[in-house]
């Protein structure tokens, strides 16, 4: 049985629990996947399997600047995951910036919201985790 002062879940200790590290690594992997998808948006969107059912004119309507913003947001999200691994409090700010950039294409892709909405949901979860980590002292 665990005693009251046990810090198995990392509460009250400066060392984050293992699940925090696993989720931070997952955030890095999601950031890499988003950058891959963003690269596909910049080069040849219809060549990527995740965009195979999307009409090519959707990407023309999206515009090059909006595509770059999405890729930049994915890069900032990746940086946020790295900052979580490094236990830096700037991770939360990076995820907030990434959320803003990932929401931008939603207004332009009314018919195909899956990728921006999933990205926004992941950013929201990462912001929540970074906030919890700051409150518990894991991100000094």
N, C-alpha and C. Protein backbone atom coordinates (compact mmCIF):
# COMPACT_ATOMS: atom_id res chain seq x y z
N UNK A 1 0.84 -1.17 0.00
CA UNK A 1 0.00 0.00 0.00
C UNK A 1 0.89 1.24 0.00
N UNK A 2 0.47 2.26 -0.74
CA UNK A 2 1.25 3.48 -0.85
C UNK A 2 0.95 4.40 0.33
N UNK A 3 1.98 5.03 0.83
CA UNK A 3 1.78 5.99 1.91
C UNK A 3 1.34 7.33 1.33
N UNK A 4 0.88 8.22 2.21
CA UNK A 4 0.40 9.52 1.76
C UNK A 4 1.49 10.35 1.10
N UNK A 5 2.72 10.19 1.53
CA UNK A 5 3.79 11.01 0.98
C UNK A 5 4.43 10.39 -0.26
N UNK A 6 3.87 9.30 -0.72
CA UNK A 6 4.41 8.66 -1.91
C UNK A 6 4.18 9.57 -3.12
N UNK A 7 5.18 9.65 -3.98
CA UNK A 7 5.05 10.51 -5.15
C UNK A 7 5.07 9.67 -6.43
N UNK A 8 4.34 8.59 -6.39
CA UNK A 8 4.30 7.71 -7.55
C UNK A 8 3.79 8.43 -8.78
N UNK A 9 2.82 9.32 -8.60
CA UNK A 9 2.30 10.05 -9.75
C UNK A 9 3.02 11.38 -9.97
N UNK A 10 4.04 11.66 -9.20
CA UNK A 10 4.84 12.86 -9.40
C UNK A 10 4.30 14.09 -8.71
N UNK A 11 3.14 14.00 -8.05
CA UNK A 11 2.59 15.16 -7.38
C UNK A 11 3.48 15.52 -6.21
N UNK A 12 3.89 16.76 -6.16
CA UNK A 12 4.73 17.23 -5.07
C UNK A 12 6.21 16.95 -5.25
N UNK A 13 6.58 16.33 -6.33
CA UNK A 13 8.00 16.10 -6.57
C UNK A 13 8.43 16.87 -7.81
N UNK A 14 9.69 17.17 -7.89
CA UNK A 14 10.21 17.92 -9.03
C UNK A 14 10.44 17.01 -10.23
N UNK A 15 10.40 15.72 -10.02
CA UNK A 15 10.61 14.78 -11.11
C UNK A 15 9.24 14.35 -11.65
N UNK A 16 9.02 14.55 -12.95
CA UNK A 16 7.73 14.13 -13.50
C UNK A 16 7.62 12.61 -13.56
N UNK A 17 6.40 12.10 -13.52
CA UNK A 17 6.23 10.65 -13.62
C UNK A 17 6.51 10.15 -15.03
N UNK A 18 6.61 8.86 -15.16
CA UNK A 18 6.92 8.25 -16.45
C UNK A 18 5.86 8.55 -17.50
N UNK A 19 4.58 8.58 -17.10
CA UNK A 19 3.52 8.84 -18.08
C UNK A 19 3.68 10.22 -18.70
N UNK A 20 4.17 11.18 -17.96
CA UNK A 20 4.40 12.52 -18.50
C UNK A 20 5.44 12.46 -19.61
N UNK A 21 6.51 11.73 -19.39
CA UNK A 21 7.57 11.59 -20.39
C UNK A 21 7.04 10.87 -21.63
N UNK A 22 6.23 9.85 -21.43
CA UNK A 22 5.66 9.11 -22.56
C UNK A 22 4.75 10.03 -23.39
N UNK A 23 3.93 10.82 -22.72
CA UNK A 23 3.05 11.75 -23.44
C UNK A 23 3.85 12.83 -24.15
N UNK A 24 4.93 13.30 -23.53
CA UNK A 24 5.79 14.30 -24.18
C UNK A 24 6.43 13.72 -25.44
N UNK A 25 6.84 12.47 -25.39
CA UNK A 25 7.39 11.81 -26.59
C UNK A 25 6.30 11.67 -27.64
N UNK A 26 5.08 11.35 -27.21
CA UNK A 26 3.95 11.29 -28.13
C UNK A 26 3.68 12.65 -28.78
N UNK A 27 3.85 13.73 -28.03
CA UNK A 27 3.68 15.08 -28.59
C UNK A 27 4.72 15.35 -29.67
N UNK A 28 5.93 14.88 -29.44
CA UNK A 28 6.99 15.04 -30.45
C UNK A 28 6.64 14.25 -31.70
N UNK A 29 6.17 13.02 -31.53
CA UNK A 29 5.80 12.20 -32.69
C UNK A 29 4.62 12.81 -33.45
N UNK A 30 3.65 13.37 -32.72
CA UNK A 30 2.53 14.05 -33.39
C UNK A 30 3.02 15.26 -34.16
N UNK A 31 3.95 16.00 -33.57
CA UNK A 31 4.52 17.15 -34.27
C UNK A 31 5.22 16.74 -35.55
N UNK A 32 5.95 15.63 -35.51
CA UNK A 32 6.60 15.14 -36.72
C UNK A 32 5.58 14.73 -37.78
N UNK A 33 4.51 14.07 -37.35
CA UNK A 33 3.46 13.66 -38.29
C UNK A 33 2.77 14.88 -38.91
N UNK A 34 2.55 15.91 -38.10
CA UNK A 34 1.92 17.12 -38.62
C UNK A 34 2.83 17.85 -39.61
N UNK A 35 4.12 17.83 -39.34
CA UNK A 35 5.06 18.45 -40.28
C UNK A 35 5.06 17.67 -41.59
N UNK A 36 4.99 16.34 -41.51
CA UNK A 36 4.91 15.52 -42.73
C UNK A 36 3.66 15.87 -43.52
N UNK A 37 2.53 15.98 -42.83
CA UNK A 37 1.29 16.35 -43.51
C UNK A 37 1.40 17.76 -44.09
N UNK A 38 2.02 18.65 -43.35
CA UNK A 38 2.20 20.01 -43.85
C UNK A 38 3.11 20.06 -45.06
N UNK A 39 4.12 19.22 -45.06
CA UNK A 39 5.00 19.13 -46.23
C UNK A 39 4.20 18.68 -47.45
N UNK A 40 3.29 17.75 -47.21
CA UNK A 40 2.42 17.31 -48.29
C UNK A 40 1.52 18.44 -48.79
N UNK A 41 1.07 19.29 -47.87
CA UNK A 41 0.26 20.45 -48.27
C UNK A 41 1.06 21.40 -49.13
N UNK A 42 2.35 21.51 -48.85
CA UNK A 42 3.19 22.45 -49.60
C UNK A 42 3.63 21.89 -50.95
N UNK A 43 3.87 20.59 -51.02
CA UNK A 43 4.41 20.03 -52.26
C UNK A 43 3.30 19.51 -53.17
N UNK A 44 2.79 18.35 -52.88
CA UNK A 44 1.76 17.74 -53.73
C UNK A 44 0.71 17.10 -52.83
N UNK A 45 -0.30 17.85 -52.41
CA UNK A 45 -1.26 17.32 -51.44
C UNK A 45 -1.94 16.03 -51.85
N UNK A 46 -2.26 15.88 -53.11
CA UNK A 46 -2.99 14.68 -53.53
C UNK A 46 -2.12 13.43 -53.54
N UNK A 47 -0.79 13.60 -53.40
CA UNK A 47 0.08 12.43 -53.40
C UNK A 47 0.13 11.73 -52.04
N UNK A 48 -0.29 12.40 -50.98
CA UNK A 48 -0.30 11.78 -49.65
C UNK A 48 -1.59 11.00 -49.43
N UNK A 49 -1.51 9.82 -48.85
CA UNK A 49 -2.72 9.02 -48.63
C UNK A 49 -3.78 9.73 -47.79
N UNK A 50 -3.36 10.54 -46.81
CA UNK A 50 -4.35 11.18 -45.95
C UNK A 50 -5.15 12.23 -46.69
N UNK A 51 -4.66 12.71 -47.82
CA UNK A 51 -5.36 13.71 -48.60
C UNK A 51 -5.98 13.13 -49.88
N UNK A 52 -6.00 11.81 -50.02
CA UNK A 52 -6.42 11.19 -51.28
C UNK A 52 -7.89 11.45 -51.59
N UNK A 53 -8.73 11.60 -50.57
CA UNK A 53 -10.16 11.80 -50.83
C UNK A 53 -10.56 13.28 -50.90
N UNK A 54 -9.59 14.17 -50.81
CA UNK A 54 -9.86 15.60 -50.84
C UNK A 54 -9.71 16.10 -52.28
N UNK A 55 -10.65 16.92 -52.70
CA UNK A 55 -10.60 17.47 -54.06
C UNK A 55 -9.41 18.43 -54.18
N UNK A 56 -8.65 18.37 -55.27
CA UNK A 56 -7.47 19.22 -55.43
C UNK A 56 -7.76 20.71 -55.35
N UNK A 57 -8.96 21.14 -55.77
CA UNK A 57 -9.26 22.57 -55.74
C UNK A 57 -9.36 23.12 -54.32
N UNK A 58 -9.59 22.25 -53.34
CA UNK A 58 -9.60 22.68 -51.94
C UNK A 58 -8.24 23.29 -51.58
N UNK A 59 -7.16 22.65 -52.02
CA UNK A 59 -5.82 23.13 -51.69
C UNK A 59 -5.50 24.43 -52.42
N UNK A 60 -6.04 24.57 -53.63
CA UNK A 60 -5.84 25.83 -54.35
C UNK A 60 -6.53 26.97 -53.62
N UNK A 61 -7.70 26.70 -53.07
CA UNK A 61 -8.43 27.73 -52.32
C UNK A 61 -7.75 28.05 -50.99
N UNK A 62 -7.01 27.10 -50.46
CA UNK A 62 -6.36 27.31 -49.17
C UNK A 62 -5.30 28.39 -49.24
N UNK A 63 -4.58 28.45 -50.32
CA UNK A 63 -3.56 29.49 -50.46
C UNK A 63 -2.24 29.08 -49.85
N UNK A 64 -1.18 29.58 -50.44
CA UNK A 64 0.17 29.20 -50.02
C UNK A 64 0.50 29.72 -48.63
N UNK A 65 0.07 30.94 -48.31
CA UNK A 65 0.38 31.51 -46.99
C UNK A 65 -0.27 30.69 -45.89
N UNK A 66 -1.52 30.28 -46.10
CA UNK A 66 -2.21 29.47 -45.10
C UNK A 66 -1.52 28.13 -44.91
N UNK A 67 -0.99 27.57 -45.98
CA UNK A 67 -0.26 26.30 -45.86
C UNK A 67 1.01 26.48 -45.05
N UNK A 68 1.73 27.57 -45.31
CA UNK A 68 2.94 27.84 -44.54
C UNK A 68 2.63 28.06 -43.07
N UNK A 69 1.53 28.72 -42.79
CA UNK A 69 1.14 28.95 -41.39
C UNK A 69 0.87 27.61 -40.71
N UNK A 70 0.21 26.69 -41.40
CA UNK A 70 -0.07 25.38 -40.82
C UNK A 70 1.22 24.62 -40.54
N UNK A 71 2.16 24.66 -41.47
CA UNK A 71 3.44 23.98 -41.28
C UNK A 71 4.23 24.63 -40.15
N UNK A 72 4.20 25.95 -40.08
CA UNK A 72 4.90 26.64 -38.99
C UNK A 72 4.28 26.28 -37.64
N UNK A 73 2.96 26.19 -37.59
CA UNK A 73 2.30 25.80 -36.34
C UNK A 73 2.70 24.39 -35.94
N UNK A 74 2.80 23.50 -36.92
CA UNK A 74 3.24 22.13 -36.62
C UNK A 74 4.66 22.13 -36.09
N UNK A 75 5.52 22.95 -36.66
CA UNK A 75 6.90 23.06 -36.17
C UNK A 75 6.97 23.60 -34.76
N UNK A 76 6.13 24.59 -34.45
CA UNK A 76 6.11 25.13 -33.09
C UNK A 76 5.57 24.09 -32.12
N UNK A 77 4.60 23.28 -32.55
CA UNK A 77 4.11 22.19 -31.70
C UNK A 77 5.19 21.15 -31.43
N UNK A 78 6.00 20.87 -32.44
CA UNK A 78 7.13 19.96 -32.26
C UNK A 78 8.12 20.54 -31.25
N UNK A 79 8.39 21.82 -31.36
CA UNK A 79 9.29 22.49 -30.41
C UNK A 79 8.70 22.41 -29.00
N UNK A 80 7.38 22.57 -28.90
CA UNK A 80 6.73 22.45 -27.59
C UNK A 80 6.94 21.08 -26.97
N UNK A 81 6.84 20.03 -27.78
CA UNK A 81 7.10 18.68 -27.27
C UNK A 81 8.52 18.51 -26.80
N UNK A 82 9.46 19.06 -27.55
CA UNK A 82 10.88 19.00 -27.14
C UNK A 82 11.08 19.77 -25.84
N UNK A 83 10.43 20.93 -25.73
CA UNK A 83 10.56 21.72 -24.50
C UNK A 83 9.98 20.98 -23.30
N UNK A 84 8.93 20.17 -23.53
CA UNK A 84 8.39 19.38 -22.42
C UNK A 84 9.39 18.32 -21.98
N UNK A 85 10.05 17.68 -22.93
CA UNK A 85 11.07 16.69 -22.59
C UNK A 85 12.20 17.37 -21.81
N UNK A 86 12.56 18.58 -22.23
CA UNK A 86 13.62 19.33 -21.56
C UNK A 86 13.15 20.00 -20.27
N UNK A 87 11.84 19.87 -19.99
CA UNK A 87 11.22 20.41 -18.77
C UNK A 87 11.36 21.93 -18.70
N UNK A 88 10.97 22.60 -19.77
CA UNK A 88 10.99 24.06 -19.83
C UNK A 88 9.56 24.59 -19.84
N UNK A 89 9.32 25.66 -19.08
CA UNK A 89 7.97 26.19 -18.98
C UNK A 89 7.48 26.83 -20.27
N UNK A 90 8.37 27.10 -21.21
CA UNK A 90 7.98 27.68 -22.49
C UNK A 90 7.18 26.71 -23.34
N UNK A 91 7.10 25.46 -22.93
CA UNK A 91 6.34 24.46 -23.69
C UNK A 91 4.88 24.89 -23.83
N UNK A 92 4.31 25.40 -22.76
CA UNK A 92 2.90 25.83 -22.79
C UNK A 92 2.70 26.94 -23.81
N UNK A 93 3.58 27.93 -23.82
CA UNK A 93 3.47 29.03 -24.78
C UNK A 93 3.61 28.52 -26.21
N UNK A 94 4.50 27.58 -26.42
CA UNK A 94 4.67 27.02 -27.77
C UNK A 94 3.40 26.31 -28.22
N UNK A 95 2.76 25.58 -27.32
CA UNK A 95 1.53 24.89 -27.68
C UNK A 95 0.39 25.87 -27.96
N UNK A 96 0.35 26.98 -27.24
CA UNK A 96 -0.67 28.00 -27.49
C UNK A 96 -0.49 28.61 -28.87
N UNK A 97 0.76 28.91 -29.25
CA UNK A 97 1.04 29.44 -30.58
C UNK A 97 0.66 28.40 -31.65
N UNK A 98 0.99 27.15 -31.40
CA UNK A 98 0.66 26.09 -32.35
C UNK A 98 -0.86 25.95 -32.50
N UNK A 99 -1.59 26.12 -31.42
CA UNK A 99 -3.05 26.06 -31.49
C UNK A 99 -3.59 27.16 -32.39
N UNK A 100 -3.08 28.37 -32.22
CA UNK A 100 -3.51 29.48 -33.06
C UNK A 100 -3.25 29.22 -34.53
N UNK A 101 -2.09 28.70 -34.84
CA UNK A 101 -1.76 28.40 -36.23
C UNK A 101 -2.56 27.25 -36.80
N UNK A 102 -2.92 26.29 -35.95
CA UNK A 102 -3.68 25.15 -36.46
C UNK A 102 -5.15 25.49 -36.66
N UNK A 103 -5.64 26.49 -35.96
CA UNK A 103 -7.03 26.90 -36.13
C UNK A 103 -7.24 27.71 -37.41
N UNK A 104 -6.21 28.33 -37.90
CA UNK A 104 -6.32 29.20 -39.06
C UNK A 104 -6.88 28.50 -40.29
N UNK A 105 -6.43 27.29 -40.67
CA UNK A 105 -7.00 26.65 -41.87
C UNK A 105 -8.45 26.23 -41.71
N UNK A 106 -8.97 26.13 -40.49
CA UNK A 106 -10.35 25.70 -40.29
C UNK A 106 -11.31 26.64 -41.01
N UNK A 107 -11.01 27.90 -41.00
CA UNK A 107 -11.89 28.88 -41.63
C UNK A 107 -11.84 28.78 -43.15
N UNK A 108 -10.82 28.16 -43.68
CA UNK A 108 -10.67 28.06 -45.13
C UNK A 108 -11.05 26.68 -45.68
N UNK A 109 -11.12 25.68 -44.82
CA UNK A 109 -11.41 24.31 -45.25
C UNK A 109 -12.74 23.83 -44.67
N UNK A 110 -13.80 24.55 -44.90
CA UNK A 110 -15.07 24.21 -44.28
C UNK A 110 -15.50 22.77 -44.53
N UNK A 111 -15.25 22.25 -45.71
CA UNK A 111 -15.69 20.91 -46.04
C UNK A 111 -14.79 19.80 -45.51
N UNK A 112 -13.54 20.11 -45.22
CA UNK A 112 -12.58 19.08 -44.82
C UNK A 112 -11.87 19.55 -43.56
N UNK A 113 -12.53 19.36 -42.44
CA UNK A 113 -12.03 19.89 -41.18
C UNK A 113 -11.25 18.88 -40.36
N UNK A 114 -11.13 17.65 -40.79
CA UNK A 114 -10.56 16.60 -39.95
C UNK A 114 -9.16 16.93 -39.48
N UNK A 115 -8.26 17.26 -40.37
CA UNK A 115 -6.86 17.48 -39.98
C UNK A 115 -6.71 18.70 -39.07
N UNK A 116 -7.27 19.87 -39.42
CA UNK A 116 -7.13 21.00 -38.51
C UNK A 116 -7.81 20.78 -37.16
N UNK A 117 -8.95 20.09 -37.15
CA UNK A 117 -9.64 19.85 -35.88
C UNK A 117 -8.87 18.88 -34.99
N UNK A 118 -8.32 17.84 -35.59
CA UNK A 118 -7.51 16.90 -34.80
C UNK A 118 -6.27 17.60 -34.26
N UNK A 119 -5.65 18.42 -35.10
CA UNK A 119 -4.48 19.17 -34.66
C UNK A 119 -4.84 20.12 -33.53
N UNK A 120 -5.97 20.80 -33.65
CA UNK A 120 -6.41 21.72 -32.60
C UNK A 120 -6.71 20.97 -31.30
N UNK A 121 -7.34 19.80 -31.40
CA UNK A 121 -7.63 19.01 -30.21
C UNK A 121 -6.33 18.55 -29.53
N UNK A 122 -5.36 18.12 -30.33
CA UNK A 122 -4.07 17.71 -29.75
C UNK A 122 -3.38 18.89 -29.09
N UNK A 123 -3.42 20.05 -29.72
CA UNK A 123 -2.82 21.25 -29.12
C UNK A 123 -3.50 21.59 -27.80
N UNK A 124 -4.82 21.48 -27.77
CA UNK A 124 -5.54 21.74 -26.52
C UNK A 124 -5.13 20.79 -25.41
N UNK A 125 -4.99 19.52 -25.74
CA UNK A 125 -4.55 18.54 -24.75
C UNK A 125 -3.12 18.82 -24.29
N UNK A 126 -2.27 19.23 -25.22
CA UNK A 126 -0.88 19.54 -24.85
C UNK A 126 -0.81 20.78 -23.97
N UNK A 127 -1.66 21.77 -24.24
CA UNK A 127 -1.71 22.96 -23.39
C UNK A 127 -2.15 22.58 -21.98
N UNK A 128 -3.17 21.73 -21.89
CA UNK A 128 -3.64 21.29 -20.59
C UNK A 128 -2.53 20.55 -19.83
N UNK A 129 -1.84 19.65 -20.52
CA UNK A 129 -0.78 18.89 -19.87
C UNK A 129 0.35 19.80 -19.42
N UNK A 130 0.73 20.77 -20.24
CA UNK A 130 1.79 21.70 -19.86
C UNK A 130 1.37 22.54 -18.67
N UNK A 131 0.09 22.92 -18.61
CA UNK A 131 -0.41 23.69 -17.46
C UNK A 131 -0.34 22.86 -16.19
N UNK A 132 -0.78 21.61 -16.25
CA UNK A 132 -0.71 20.71 -15.10
C UNK A 132 0.74 20.51 -14.67
N UNK A 133 1.62 20.34 -15.66
CA UNK A 133 3.04 20.13 -15.34
C UNK A 133 3.63 21.35 -14.66
N UNK A 134 3.23 22.56 -15.09
CA UNK A 134 3.74 23.77 -14.43
C UNK A 134 3.22 23.86 -13.01
N UNK A 135 1.94 23.54 -12.80
CA UNK A 135 1.37 23.60 -11.47
C UNK A 135 2.02 22.61 -10.51
N UNK A 136 2.44 21.48 -11.03
CA UNK A 136 3.06 20.46 -10.18
C UNK A 136 4.57 20.60 -10.08
N UNK A 137 5.11 21.60 -10.76
CA UNK A 137 6.54 21.85 -10.64
C UNK A 137 7.41 21.01 -11.56
N UNK A 138 6.81 20.36 -12.55
CA UNK A 138 7.59 19.53 -13.46
C UNK A 138 8.25 20.36 -14.54
N UNK A 139 7.68 21.53 -14.82
CA UNK A 139 8.27 22.45 -15.81
C UNK A 139 8.68 23.72 -15.07
N UNK A 140 9.85 23.74 -14.53
CA UNK A 140 10.28 24.91 -13.74
C UNK A 140 10.50 26.15 -14.59
